[in-house]
Each structure stands twice: as C-alpha cells, then as structure tokens.
C-alpha atoms as a PDB file:
ATOM      1  CA  UNK A   1       8.079  -5.989 -13.395  1.00  0.00           C
ATOM      2  CA  UNK A   2       5.565  -8.801 -13.803  1.00  0.00           C
ATOM      3  CA  UNK A   3       7.005 -12.247 -14.465  1.00  0.00           C
ATOM      4  CA  UNK A   4       5.512 -15.744 -14.466  1.00  0.00           C
ATOM      5  CA  UNK A   5       2.025 -14.401 -13.768  1.00  0.00           C
ATOM      6  CA  UNK A   6      -1.354 -15.047 -15.358  1.00  0.00           C
ATOM      7  CA  UNK A   7      -2.688 -11.714 -16.603  1.00  0.00           C
ATOM      8  CA  UNK A   8      -5.997 -10.718 -18.173  1.00  0.00           C
ATOM      9  CA  UNK A   9      -5.858  -7.603 -20.367  1.00  0.00           C
ATOM     10  CA  UNK A  10      -9.240  -6.262 -21.457  1.00  0.00           C
ATOM     11  CA  UNK A  11      -9.721  -4.212 -24.604  1.00  0.00           C
ATOM     12  CA  UNK A  12      -6.635  -5.992 -25.899  1.00  0.00           C
ATOM     13  CA  UNK A  13      -7.242  -5.209 -29.576  1.00  0.00           C
ATOM     14  CA  UNK A  14      -7.198  -1.473 -28.868  1.00  0.00           C
ATOM     15  CA  UNK A  15      -4.535   1.174 -29.142  1.00  0.00           C
ATOM     16  CA  UNK A  16      -3.730   1.308 -25.406  1.00  0.00           C
ATOM     17  CA  UNK A  17      -4.170  -2.296 -24.288  1.00  0.00           C
ATOM     18  CA  UNK A  18      -2.655  -4.161 -27.219  1.00  0.00           C
ATOM     19  CA  UNK A  19       0.988  -3.178 -26.519  1.00  0.00           C
ATOM     20  CA  UNK A  20       0.411  -4.054 -22.860  1.00  0.00           C
ATOM     21  CA  UNK A  21      -0.711  -7.564 -23.829  1.00  0.00           C
ATOM     22  CA  UNK A  22       2.064  -7.993 -26.376  1.00  0.00           C
ATOM     23  CA  UNK A  23       4.926  -6.846 -24.173  1.00  0.00           C
ATOM     24  CA  UNK A  24       3.797  -8.634 -20.997  1.00  0.00           C
ATOM     25  CA  UNK A  25       3.396 -11.876 -22.921  1.00  0.00           C
ATOM     26  CA  UNK A  26       7.191 -12.187 -23.129  1.00  0.00           C
ATOM     27  CA  UNK A  27       7.430 -13.198 -19.456  1.00  0.00           C
ATOM     28  CA  UNK A  28       3.867 -14.073 -18.480  1.00  0.00           C
ATOM     29  CA  UNK A  29       0.773 -16.020 -19.502  1.00  0.00           C
ATOM     30  CA  UNK A  30      -1.416 -13.320 -21.031  1.00  0.00           C
ATOM     31  CA  UNK A  31      -5.097 -13.565 -21.867  1.00  0.00           C
ATOM     32  CA  UNK A  32      -6.363 -10.941 -24.308  1.00  0.00           C
ATOM     33  CA  UNK A  33     -10.037 -10.223 -23.654  1.00  0.00           C
ATOM     34  CA  UNK A  34     -12.141  -8.383 -26.226  1.00  0.00           C
ATOM     35  CA  UNK A  35     -15.176  -8.686 -28.479  1.00  0.00           C
ATOM     36  CA  UNK A  36     -12.882  -9.427 -31.450  1.00  0.00           C
ATOM     37  CA  UNK A  37     -15.174  -7.792 -33.970  1.00  0.00           C
ATOM     38  CA  UNK A  38     -12.069  -7.813 -36.175  1.00  0.00           C
ATOM     39  CA  UNK A  39     -11.081 -11.498 -36.622  1.00  0.00           C
ATOM     40  CA  UNK A  40      -7.686 -10.429 -37.971  1.00  0.00           C
ATOM     41  CA  UNK A  41      -6.743  -8.857 -34.636  1.00  0.00           C
ATOM     42  CA  UNK A  42      -7.572 -12.106 -32.867  1.00  0.00           C
ATOM     43  CA  UNK A  43      -5.453 -14.088 -35.289  1.00  0.00           C
ATOM     44  CA  UNK A  44      -2.520 -11.691 -34.908  1.00  0.00           C
ATOM     45  CA  UNK A  45      -2.565 -11.920 -31.123  1.00  0.00           C
ATOM     46  CA  UNK A  46      -2.789 -15.709 -31.181  1.00  0.00           C
ATOM     47  CA  UNK A  47       0.107 -15.851 -33.666  1.00  0.00           C
ATOM     48  CA  UNK A  48       2.216 -14.136 -30.996  1.00  0.00           C
ATOM     49  CA  UNK A  49       1.328 -16.826 -28.461  1.00  0.00           C
ATOM     50  CA  UNK A  50      -1.249 -14.714 -26.637  1.00  0.00           C
ATOM     51  CA  UNK A  51      -4.398 -16.470 -25.425  1.00  0.00           C
ATOM     52  CA  UNK A  52      -7.679 -14.891 -26.494  1.00  0.00           C
ATOM     53  CA  UNK A  53     -11.080 -14.936 -24.841  1.00  0.00           C
ATOM     54  CA  UNK A  54     -14.372 -13.233 -25.664  1.00  0.00           C
ATOM     55  CA  UNK A  55     -15.391 -10.366 -23.383  1.00  0.00           C
ATOM     56  CA  UNK A  56     -18.080  -7.714 -23.821  1.00  0.00           C
ATOM     57  CA  UNK A  57     -18.507  -4.786 -21.447  1.00  0.00           C
ATOM     58  CA  UNK A  58     -21.717  -4.892 -19.471  1.00  0.00           C
ATOM     59  CA  UNK A  59     -22.261  -8.635 -19.413  1.00  0.00           C
ATOM     60  CA  UNK A  60     -22.936 -10.035 -15.951  1.00  0.00           C
ATOM     61  CA  UNK A  61     -22.044 -13.696 -16.539  1.00  0.00           C
ATOM     62  CA  UNK A  62     -18.264 -13.775 -16.898  1.00  0.00           C
ATOM     63  CA  UNK A  63     -17.756 -17.361 -15.757  1.00  0.00           C
ATOM     64  CA  UNK A  64     -16.125 -18.254 -19.099  1.00  0.00           C
ATOM     65  CA  UNK A  65     -13.184 -15.936 -18.418  1.00  0.00           C
ATOM     66  CA  UNK A  66     -10.011 -17.693 -17.184  1.00  0.00           C
ATOM     67  CA  UNK A  67      -8.691 -17.533 -13.637  1.00  0.00           C
ATOM     68  CA  UNK A  68      -5.737 -15.120 -13.464  1.00  0.00           C
ATOM     69  CA  UNK A  69      -3.440 -13.404 -10.980  1.00  0.00           C
ATOM     70  CA  UNK A  70      -3.789  -9.833 -12.272  1.00  0.00           C
ATOM     71  CA  UNK A  71      -6.371  -7.890 -14.268  1.00  0.00           C
ATOM     72  CA  UNK A  72      -5.411  -4.888 -16.387  1.00  0.00           C
ATOM     73  CA  UNK A  73      -8.734  -3.375 -17.391  1.00  0.00           C
ATOM     74  CA  UNK A  74      -8.495  -1.041 -20.376  1.00  0.00           C
ATOM     75  CA  UNK A  75     -11.642  -2.118 -22.184  1.00  0.00           C
ATOM     76  CA  UNK A  76     -14.448   0.421 -22.467  1.00  0.00           C
ATOM     77  CA  UNK A  77     -16.958   1.988 -24.815  1.00  0.00           C
ATOM     78  CA  UNK A  78     -15.142   5.167 -25.861  1.00  0.00           C
ATOM     79  CA  UNK A  79     -18.208   6.578 -27.567  1.00  0.00           C
ATOM     80  CA  UNK A  80     -21.393   5.643 -25.693  1.00  0.00           C
ATOM     81  CA  UNK A  81     -24.373   7.022 -27.563  1.00  0.00           C
ATOM     82  CA  UNK A  82     -26.429   7.681 -24.430  1.00  0.00           C
ATOM     83  CA  UNK A  83     -25.750   8.148 -20.703  1.00  0.00           C
ATOM     84  CA  UNK A  84     -27.451   4.784 -20.129  1.00  0.00           C
ATOM     85  CA  UNK A  85     -25.026   3.036 -22.491  1.00  0.00           C
ATOM     86  CA  UNK A  86     -22.072   4.637 -20.765  1.00  0.00           C
ATOM     87  CA  UNK A  87     -23.141   3.673 -17.271  1.00  0.00           C
ATOM     88  CA  UNK A  88     -24.379   0.174 -18.152  1.00  0.00           C
ATOM     89  CA  UNK A  89     -21.328  -0.815 -20.172  1.00  0.00           C
ATOM     90  CA  UNK A  90     -18.436   1.106 -18.650  1.00  0.00           C
ATOM     91  CA  UNK A  91     -19.510   1.522 -15.021  1.00  0.00           C
ATOM     92  CA  UNK A  92     -21.684  -1.517 -14.315  1.00  0.00           C
ATOM     93  CA  UNK A  93     -19.626  -3.687 -16.671  1.00  0.00           C
ATOM     94  CA  UNK A  94     -16.479  -2.920 -14.692  1.00  0.00           C
ATOM     95  CA  UNK A  95     -18.284  -3.809 -11.484  1.00  0.00           C
ATOM     96  CA  UNK A  96     -19.176  -7.237 -12.852  1.00  0.00           C
ATOM     97  CA  UNK A  97     -15.562  -7.737 -13.952  1.00  0.00           C
ATOM     98  CA  UNK A  98     -14.233  -6.924 -10.486  1.00  0.00           C
ATOM     99  CA  UNK A  99     -16.761  -9.290  -8.953  1.00  0.00           C
ATOM    100  CA  UNK A 100     -15.516 -12.061 -11.260  1.00  0.00           C
ATOM    101  CA  UNK A 101     -11.930 -11.411 -10.179  1.00  0.00           C
ATOM    102  CA  UNK A 102     -12.498 -10.787  -6.506  1.00  0.00           C
ATOM    103  CA  UNK A 103      -9.690 -13.253  -5.690  1.00  0.00           C
ATOM    104  CA  UNK A 104      -7.067 -11.691  -7.975  1.00  0.00           C
ATOM    105  CA  UNK A 105      -3.809 -10.369  -6.558  1.00  0.00           C
ATOM    106  CA  UNK A 106      -4.588  -6.890  -7.925  1.00  0.00           C
ATOM    107  CA  UNK A 107      -6.861  -5.027 -10.330  1.00  0.00           C
ATOM    108  CA  UNK A 108      -5.733  -2.127 -12.549  1.00  0.00           C
ATOM    109  CA  UNK A 109      -8.408   0.212 -13.895  1.00  0.00           C
ATOM    110  CA  UNK A 110      -7.576   2.555 -16.771  1.00  0.00           C
ATOM    111  CA  UNK A 111      -9.583   5.737 -16.385  1.00  0.00           C
ATOM    112  CA  UNK A 112      -9.274   8.994 -18.333  1.00  0.00           C
ATOM    113  CA  UNK A 113      -8.000  12.531 -17.761  1.00  0.00           C
ATOM    114  CA  UNK A 114     -11.104  13.728 -19.621  1.00  0.00           C
ATOM    115  CA  UNK A 115     -12.998  13.599 -16.308  1.00  0.00           C
ATOM    116  CA  UNK A 116     -11.189  16.700 -15.022  1.00  0.00           C
ATOM    117  CA  UNK A 117     -12.915  20.063 -15.254  1.00  0.00           C
ATOM    118  CA  UNK A 118     -11.180  22.324 -17.760  1.00  0.00           C
ATOM    119  CA  UNK A 119      -8.894  24.918 -16.174  1.00  0.00           C
ATOM    120  CA  UNK A 120      -8.769  28.550 -17.274  1.00  0.00           C
ATOM    121  CA  UNK A 121      -5.003  28.279 -17.790  1.00  0.00           C
ATOM    122  CA  UNK A 122      -4.365  25.523 -20.383  1.00  0.00           C
ATOM    123  CA  UNK A 123      -0.800  25.043 -19.088  1.00  0.00           C
ATOM    124  CA  UNK A 124      -1.808  24.533 -15.442  1.00  0.00           C
ATOM    125  CA  UNK A 125      -1.305  20.911 -14.430  1.00  0.00           C
ATOM    126  CA  UNK A 126      -4.162  19.097 -12.687  1.00  0.00           C
ATOM    127  CA  UNK A 127      -3.528  17.058  -9.560  1.00  0.00           C
ATOM    128  CA  UNK A 128      -5.565  14.049  -8.545  1.00  0.00           C
ATOM    129  CA  UNK A 129      -7.807  15.914  -6.092  1.00  0.00           C
ATOM    130  CA  UNK A 130      -8.679  18.757  -8.492  1.00  0.00           C
ATOM    131  CA  UNK A 131     -12.244  19.479  -9.586  1.00  0.00           C
ATOM    132  CA  UNK A 132     -13.928  16.865 -11.760  1.00  0.00           C
ATOM    133  CA  UNK A 133     -16.681  17.322 -14.312  1.00  0.00           C
ATOM    134  CA  UNK A 134     -14.895  17.147 -17.640  1.00  0.00           C
ATOM    135  CA  UNK A 135     -16.264  16.817 -21.151  1.00  0.00           C
ATOM    136  CA  UNK A 136     -14.836  15.148 -24.251  1.00  0.00           C
ATOM    137  CA  UNK A 137     -15.721  17.055 -27.421  1.00  0.00           C
ATOM    138  CA  UNK A 138     -15.414  13.918 -29.549  1.00  0.00           C
ATOM    139  CA  UNK A 139     -17.790  11.888 -27.324  1.00  0.00           C
ATOM    140  CA  UNK A 140     -20.360  13.757 -25.173  1.00  0.00           C
ATOM    141  CA  UNK A 141     -21.099  10.869 -22.783  1.00  0.00           C
ATOM    142  CA  UNK A 142     -17.613   9.404 -22.422  1.00  0.00           C
ATOM    143  CA  UNK A 143     -16.182  11.518 -19.592  1.00  0.00           C
ATOM    144  CA  UNK A 144     -19.359  11.093 -17.553  1.00  0.00           C
ATOM    145  CA  UNK A 145     -19.206   7.334 -17.946  1.00  0.00           C
ATOM    146  CA  UNK A 146     -15.540   7.180 -16.893  1.00  0.00           C
ATOM    147  CA  UNK A 147     -16.219   9.262 -13.792  1.00  0.00           C
ATOM    148  CA  UNK A 148     -19.139   6.977 -12.929  1.00  0.00           C
ATOM    149  CA  UNK A 149     -16.893   3.973 -13.437  1.00  0.00           C
ATOM    150  CA  UNK A 150     -14.344   5.286 -10.958  1.00  0.00           C
ATOM    151  CA  UNK A 151     -17.040   5.402  -8.287  1.00  0.00           C
ATOM    152  CA  UNK A 152     -17.955   1.788  -9.004  1.00  0.00           C
ATOM    153  CA  UNK A 153     -14.292   0.722  -8.915  1.00  0.00           C
ATOM    154  CA  UNK A 154     -13.682   2.440  -5.581  1.00  0.00           C
ATOM    155  CA  UNK A 155     -16.753   0.806  -4.058  1.00  0.00           C
ATOM    156  CA  UNK A 156     -16.003  -2.667  -5.402  1.00  0.00           C
ATOM    157  CA  UNK A 157     -12.392  -2.528  -4.212  1.00  0.00           C
ATOM    158  CA  UNK A 158     -13.625  -1.901  -0.676  1.00  0.00           C
ATOM    159  CA  UNK A 159     -16.518  -4.348  -0.858  1.00  0.00           C
ATOM    160  CA  UNK A 160     -14.364  -7.185  -2.218  1.00  0.00           C
ATOM    161  CA  UNK A 161     -11.179  -6.177  -0.400  1.00  0.00           C
ATOM    162  CA  UNK A 162      -9.530  -6.358  -3.817  1.00  0.00           C
ATOM    163  CA  UNK A 163      -6.229  -4.409  -4.124  1.00  0.00           C
ATOM    164  CA  UNK A 164      -6.927  -1.889  -6.885  1.00  0.00           C
ATOM    165  CA  UNK A 165      -5.353   1.131  -8.542  1.00  0.00           C
ATOM    166  CA  UNK A 166      -7.089   3.709 -10.764  1.00  0.00           C
ATOM    167  CA  UNK A 167      -5.001   5.527 -13.395  1.00  0.00           C
ATOM    168  CA  UNK A 168      -6.276   8.587 -15.273  1.00  0.00           C
ATOM    169  CA  UNK A 169      -4.690   8.295 -18.700  1.00  0.00           C
ATOM    170  CA  UNK A 170      -3.842  11.393 -20.720  1.00  0.00           C
ATOM    171  CA  UNK A 171      -2.895  11.449 -24.425  1.00  0.00           C
ATOM    172  CA  UNK A 172      -1.649   7.953 -25.287  1.00  0.00           C
ATOM    173  CA  UNK A 173       0.053   7.321 -28.613  1.00  0.00           C
ATOM    174  CA  UNK A 174       2.243   4.789 -30.374  1.00  0.00           C
ATOM    175  CA  UNK A 175       2.409   2.088 -33.030  1.00  0.00           C
ATOM    176  CA  UNK A 176      -0.797   0.180 -32.252  1.00  0.00           C
ATOM    177  CA  UNK A 177      -4.414   0.813 -33.165  1.00  0.00           C
ATOM    178  CA  UNK A 178      -5.178   4.261 -34.537  1.00  0.00           C
ATOM    179  CA  UNK A 179      -1.942   5.572 -33.026  1.00  0.00           C
ATOM    180  CA  UNK A 180      -3.553   8.173 -30.780  1.00  0.00           C
ATOM    181  CA  UNK A 181      -4.198  11.883 -31.321  1.00  0.00           C
ATOM    182  CA  UNK A 182      -0.652  12.811 -32.457  1.00  0.00           C
ATOM    183  CA  UNK A 183      -0.748  10.164 -35.189  1.00  0.00           C
ATOM    184  CA  UNK A 184      -4.317  11.058 -36.148  1.00  0.00           C
ATOM    185  CA  UNK A 185      -2.871  14.373 -37.291  1.00  0.00           C
ATOM    186  CA  UNK A 186      -1.084  12.456 -40.048  1.00  0.00           C
ATOM    187  CA  UNK A 187      -4.456  11.316 -41.376  1.00  0.00           C
ATOM    188  CA  UNK A 188      -5.684  14.907 -41.200  1.00  0.00           C
ATOM    189  CA  UNK A 189      -2.798  16.048 -43.380  1.00  0.00           C
ATOM    190  CA  UNK A 190      -3.106  13.142 -45.825  1.00  0.00           C
ATOM    191  CA  UNK A 191      -6.784  13.851 -46.441  1.00  0.00           C
ATOM    192  CA  UNK A 192      -6.787  17.643 -46.185  1.00  0.00           C
ATOM    193  CA  UNK A 193      -8.832  17.665 -42.969  1.00  0.00           C
ATOM    194  CA  UNK A 194      -8.292  20.895 -41.002  1.00  0.00           C
ATOM    195  CA  UNK A 195      -7.063  20.814 -37.424  1.00  0.00           C
ATOM    196  CA  UNK A 196      -9.099  23.177 -35.232  1.00  0.00           C
ATOM    197  CA  UNK A 197      -7.046  25.377 -32.923  1.00  0.00           C
ATOM    198  CA  UNK A 198      -8.982  26.894 -30.053  1.00  0.00           C
ATOM    199  CA  UNK A 199      -9.505  30.640 -30.180  1.00  0.00           C
ATOM    200  CA  UNK A 200      -8.163  30.655 -26.607  1.00  0.00           C
ATOM    201  CA  UNK A 201      -4.771  29.344 -27.755  1.00  0.00           C
ATOM    202  CA  UNK A 202      -2.816  26.103 -28.030  1.00  0.00           C
ATOM    203  CA  UNK A 203      -3.986  22.807 -26.537  1.00  0.00           C
ATOM    204  CA  UNK A 204      -1.434  21.446 -24.063  1.00  0.00           C
ATOM    205  CA  UNK A 205      -1.207  17.877 -22.775  1.00  0.00           C
ATOM    206  CA  UNK A 206       1.101  15.251 -21.249  1.00  0.00           C
ATOM    207  CA  UNK A 207       1.503  12.693 -24.058  1.00  0.00           C
ATOM    208  CA  UNK A 208       2.726   9.228 -23.093  1.00  0.00           C
ATOM    209  CA  UNK A 209       4.208   6.640 -25.479  1.00  0.00           C
ATOM    210  CA  UNK A 210       2.961   3.039 -25.426  1.00  0.00           C
ATOM    211  CA  UNK A 211       6.233   1.576 -24.080  1.00  0.00           C
ATOM    212  CA  UNK A 212       6.080   3.926 -21.102  1.00  0.00           C
ATOM    213  CA  UNK A 213       2.446   2.969 -20.495  1.00  0.00           C
ATOM    214  CA  UNK A 214       3.443  -0.706 -20.268  1.00  0.00           C
ATOM    215  CA  UNK A 215       6.180   0.052 -17.744  1.00  0.00           C
ATOM    216  CA  UNK A 216       4.057   2.437 -15.696  1.00  0.00           C
ATOM    217  CA  UNK A 217       1.121   0.018 -15.499  1.00  0.00           C
ATOM    218  CA  UNK A 218       3.352  -2.610 -13.938  1.00  0.00           C
ATOM    219  CA  UNK A 219       4.798  -0.163 -11.419  1.00  0.00           C
ATOM    220  CA  UNK A 220       1.367   1.131 -10.490  1.00  0.00           C
ATOM    221  CA  UNK A 221      -0.032  -2.390 -10.082  1.00  0.00           C
ATOM    222  CA  UNK A 222       2.548  -2.918  -7.343  1.00  0.00           C
ATOM    223  CA  UNK A 223       0.884  -0.029  -5.494  1.00  0.00           C
ATOM    224  CA  UNK A 224      -2.659  -1.426  -5.705  1.00  0.00           C
ATOM    225  CA  UNK A 225      -4.415  -1.185  -2.354  1.00  0.00           C
ATOM    226  CA  UNK A 226      -7.710  -0.837  -0.513  1.00  0.00           C
ATOM    227  CA  UNK A 227      -8.985   1.878  -0.697  1.00  0.00           C
ATOM    228  CA  UNK A 228      -7.908   2.201  -4.317  1.00  0.00           C
ATOM    229  CA  UNK A 229      -5.322   4.936  -4.940  1.00  0.00           C
ATOM    230  CA  UNK A 230      -5.981   7.289  -7.856  1.00  0.00           C
ATOM    231  CA  UNK A 231      -3.054   8.455  -9.962  1.00  0.00           C
ATOM    232  CA  UNK A 232      -2.506  10.536 -13.100  1.00  0.00           C
ATOM    233  CA  UNK A 233      -0.926   8.649 -15.997  1.00  0.00           C
ATOM    234  CA  UNK A 234       0.705  10.973 -18.502  1.00  0.00           C
ATOM    235  CA  UNK A 235       4.145  11.634 -19.908  1.00  0.00           C
ATOM    236  CA  UNK A 236       6.729  13.781 -18.157  1.00  0.00           C
ATOM    237  CA  UNK A 237       6.778  16.517 -20.829  1.00  0.00           C
ATOM    238  CA  UNK A 238       4.217  19.237 -21.457  1.00  0.00           C
ATOM    239  CA  UNK A 239       3.619  19.772 -25.162  1.00  0.00           C
ATOM    240  CA  UNK A 240       0.856  21.248 -27.292  1.00  0.00           C
ATOM    241  CA  UNK A 241      -0.927  19.583 -30.161  1.00  0.00           C
ATOM    242  CA  UNK A 242       0.219  22.509 -32.265  1.00  0.00           C
ATOM    243  CA  UNK A 243       3.868  21.725 -31.450  1.00  0.00           C
ATOM    244  CA  UNK A 244       3.313  18.103 -32.391  1.00  0.00           C
ATOM    245  CA  UNK A 245       1.660  19.153 -35.633  1.00  0.00           C
ATOM    246  CA  UNK A 246       4.647  21.350 -36.491  1.00  0.00           C
ATOM    247  CA  UNK A 247       7.036  18.475 -35.749  1.00  0.00           C
ATOM    248  CA  UNK A 248       5.029  16.103 -37.952  1.00  0.00           C
ATOM    249  CA  UNK A 249       5.216  18.608 -40.796  1.00  0.00           C
ATOM    250  CA  UNK A 250       8.976  18.794 -40.278  1.00  0.00           C
ATOM    251  CA  UNK A 251       9.341  15.001 -40.316  1.00  0.00           C
ATOM    252  CA  UNK A 252       7.147  14.349 -43.333  1.00  0.00           C
ATOM    253  CA  UNK A 253       7.283  17.494 -45.451  1.00  0.00           C
ATOM    254  CA  UNK A 254       3.485  17.504 -45.496  1.00  0.00           C
ATOM    255  CA  UNK A 255       1.410  20.620 -44.904  1.00  0.00           C
ATOM    256  CA  UNK A 256      -1.400  20.932 -42.384  1.00  0.00           C
ATOM    257  CA  UNK A 257      -4.565  22.982 -42.572  1.00  0.00           C
ATOM    258  CA  UNK A 258      -5.205  24.859 -39.328  1.00  0.00           C
ATOM    259  CA  UNK A 259      -8.437  26.722 -38.610  1.00  0.00           C
ATOM    260  CA  UNK A 260      -9.314  28.692 -35.488  1.00  0.00           C
ATOM    261  CA  UNK A 261     -12.587  27.709 -33.817  1.00  0.00           C
ATOM    262  CA  UNK A 262     -14.213  28.166 -30.420  1.00  0.00           C
ATOM    263  CA  UNK A 263     -13.235  24.626 -29.440  1.00  0.00           C
ATOM    264  CA  UNK A 264     -10.102  22.740 -30.423  1.00  0.00           C
ATOM    265  CA  UNK A 265     -10.328  19.427 -32.261  1.00  0.00           C
ATOM    266  CA  UNK A 266      -9.430  17.731 -28.958  1.00  0.00           C
ATOM    267  CA  UNK A 267      -9.792  19.178 -25.483  1.00  0.00           C
ATOM    268  CA  UNK A 268      -6.511  18.584 -23.680  1.00  0.00           C
ATOM    269  CA  UNK A 269      -5.287  18.455 -20.088  1.00  0.00           C
ATOM    270  CA  UNK A 270      -1.831  18.785 -18.557  1.00  0.00           C
ATOM    271  CA  UNK A 271      -1.284  16.306 -15.731  1.00  0.00           C
ATOM    272  CA  UNK A 272       0.742  16.700 -12.573  1.00  0.00           C
ATOM    273  CA  UNK A 273       2.703  13.448 -12.463  1.00  0.00           C
ATOM    274  CA  UNK A 274       4.302  13.847  -9.037  1.00  0.00           C
ATOM    275  CA  UNK A 275       2.302  10.997  -7.515  1.00  0.00           C
ATOM    276  CA  UNK A 276       2.862   8.712 -10.490  1.00  0.00           C
ATOM    277  CA  UNK A 277       6.629   9.225 -10.417  1.00  0.00           C
ATOM    278  CA  UNK A 278       6.718   8.413  -6.703  1.00  0.00           C
ATOM    279  CA  UNK A 279       4.785   5.208  -7.334  1.00  0.00           C
ATOM    280  CA  UNK A 280       6.283   3.972 -10.599  1.00  0.00           C
ATOM    281  CA  UNK A 281       9.230   6.163 -11.586  1.00  0.00           C
ATOM    282  CA  UNK A 282       9.846   8.445 -14.586  1.00  0.00           C
ATOM    283  CA  UNK A 283       8.940   7.903 -18.215  1.00  0.00           C
ATOM    284  CA  UNK A 284      11.756   6.992 -20.576  1.00  0.00           C
ATOM    285  CA  UNK A 285      10.585   8.060 -24.063  1.00  0.00           C
ATOM    286  CA  UNK A 286      10.527  11.736 -25.105  1.00  0.00           C
ATOM    287  CA  UNK A 287       7.589  12.873 -27.190  1.00  0.00           C
ATOM    288  CA  UNK A 288       9.709  13.541 -30.279  1.00  0.00           C
ATOM    289  CA  UNK A 289      11.375  10.133 -30.095  1.00  0.00           C
ATOM    290  CA  UNK A 290       8.006   8.480 -29.557  1.00  0.00           C
ATOM    291  CA  UNK A 291       6.401  10.167 -32.555  1.00  0.00           C
ATOM    292  CA  UNK A 292       9.354   9.293 -34.777  1.00  0.00           C
ATOM    293  CA  UNK A 293       9.296   5.633 -33.670  1.00  0.00           C
ATOM    294  CA  UNK A 294       5.563   5.418 -34.270  1.00  0.00           C
ATOM    295  CA  UNK A 295       5.942   6.913 -37.742  1.00  0.00           C
ATOM    296  CA  UNK A 296       8.832   4.581 -38.579  1.00  0.00           C
ATOM    297  CA  UNK A 297       6.521   1.672 -37.778  1.00  0.00           C
ATOM    298  CA  UNK A 298       3.256   2.980 -39.199  1.00  0.00           C
ATOM    299  CA  UNK A 299       4.197   5.294 -42.087  1.00  0.00           C
ATOM    300  CA  UNK A 300       7.849   4.838 -43.054  1.00  0.00           C
ATOM    301  CA  UNK A 301       7.120   6.066 -46.549  1.00  0.00           C
ATOM    302  CA  UNK A 302       6.179   9.492 -45.176  1.00  0.00           C
ATOM    303  CA  UNK A 303       9.496   9.884 -43.399  1.00  0.00           C
ATOM    304  CA  UNK A 304      11.309   9.057 -46.604  1.00  0.00           C
ATOM    305  CA  UNK A 305       9.614  11.980 -48.338  1.00  0.00           C
ATOM    306  CA  UNK A 306      11.012  14.677 -46.062  1.00  0.00           C
END
C-alpha cells in the first residue's frame, strides 16, 4: 500500500476518483486535480486536508501541476459529444499528462470495460486479449475515445520509459458521486423511471465497490511496467442488474418499473479477473454488502422504510 508518497489523482471530484483521493490522503500527500466546476466539492476536499489543483483534459500546458511520485489518472470526458471531442480530450489529453509526469515512479490509467465487443453469451467473461470494439448506449463516442486513449497510453509509456498500468474498469459503485449504476436504480424507483431489460435477457456484470477499487489501484500500481500491462478491474462476483434491482426493492420496500426493450438501460460486461487477482489479490466487499453500505450512507431514510 502507498505510504508517504506524493500522489496526483485526476477527476478527483468524480464517483470513482474521489474515494481514491480521500482514502490515500490518510498516509500520503494527495493532490486532487479537476476542473472544480462545483466549488463545494473543492471545499469539501480541502476540508479533509487534500490539496487541490485545476486540471482540464486536453490542455497541453500542464506546468502548473505539482511534482508528484505517482499519478492515478481517472479524469475523462464520459460523454464526448463528437469523436473529435473524445480523442482531443481523453486520448490527446492523457498523452499531455503523461508527458508532464514523465519522471514519475508510475502512472495508472483508468480505462473502461465498455471498449470490449459485446459477446453473444451475456454471462461469458471477457479476458484482456478478447475482441475490442464496444459501444456505450448512454454515450455513443465514449467507448471509442477510451480505446483510442489506451493506444496513446501504451505509446507514451514506451516513448517516455514511464512505468504504466492500464485498468479496464467495470461497474463501479459506492457512496461518492452519483453512486454508480446500482445506486442510479434508486433514482429510477423514486421518480417512476422504468428500467429497460434487454429482450435477450438479463444484463450481467462484475460490480466493484469503491473500497475495493482503492485497494486494487494500489496493488496494480506496484505492477506498472514498460510496456504497460492491461488488466480487467471488476469485482469477483457475477451479478445482473436485475438481481441488484430486486435486492434494492427488498432493502427499501420500493417498487421498480421494468420494461423490455431491444437494448437494456446499460450494456454490461462480465470480466475475467484472473490477471487482476494475480497482480493485486481478491476483492473484499460482496455486492450485497457494498450496496447496503452505500445506501446507509446515501439514503438511510429508504432503508428505514423497509
């Protein structure tokens, strides 16, 4: 685990990166890098003793960023409106960031499981060398931009001789930000928004709780190398969104609207985590425990209703 290090965490106001910044700050000097369009988020991080610094994806002059030992790069545009936006901000922007930190001990890049091509069998786990070419229903240009970014990261790691690791994150959830897809289902139920189940069946995934992400990131950083290894980053359990929806109904007593459509609300992927376990060990939080902990933090009043 990282101790007494200077660490830059990009996208630090977001759902994935914020718990990384908060938990690592206990034993390290953490710099939270973001645009801070929400001043409250900046104030909250600083109140916890976390340093903050402005960072916008795609900018080439990053001289104002502090010198650090490690970079954990989670920042990205999750909904680029055009292919140009996706490549300029996510791909080229990451290249400029790696150039700025060419002398760091290691660089962690958070990619996405959405870049995998969809398999015919929704329960079949994808391994790191499976076919790419995925598509995110909620953001048409996102998966393309993340795949492009991986190419840039691989090249820059070799060019700069910068130890790097690329992690393809699956369904992340927890207390921070919007809570992730499982917690978004709560908002669906509160506002009567229907969840769309695919006509092909349930949507399976490998959900991973925020505490496990923090631990796994540190373990994977220790495996950073040149060329950059690529590893799946998901939880150790396979579960469907429909199972999670049923569990949320059980916990809260709320009812969900479910409609069958050609495409599910979220396209999901099951990850083979063999490589990740060998590099960083198993996850510790089960999906049911994680959802309950997130609800206890975010919506305790809903648990009291059940």
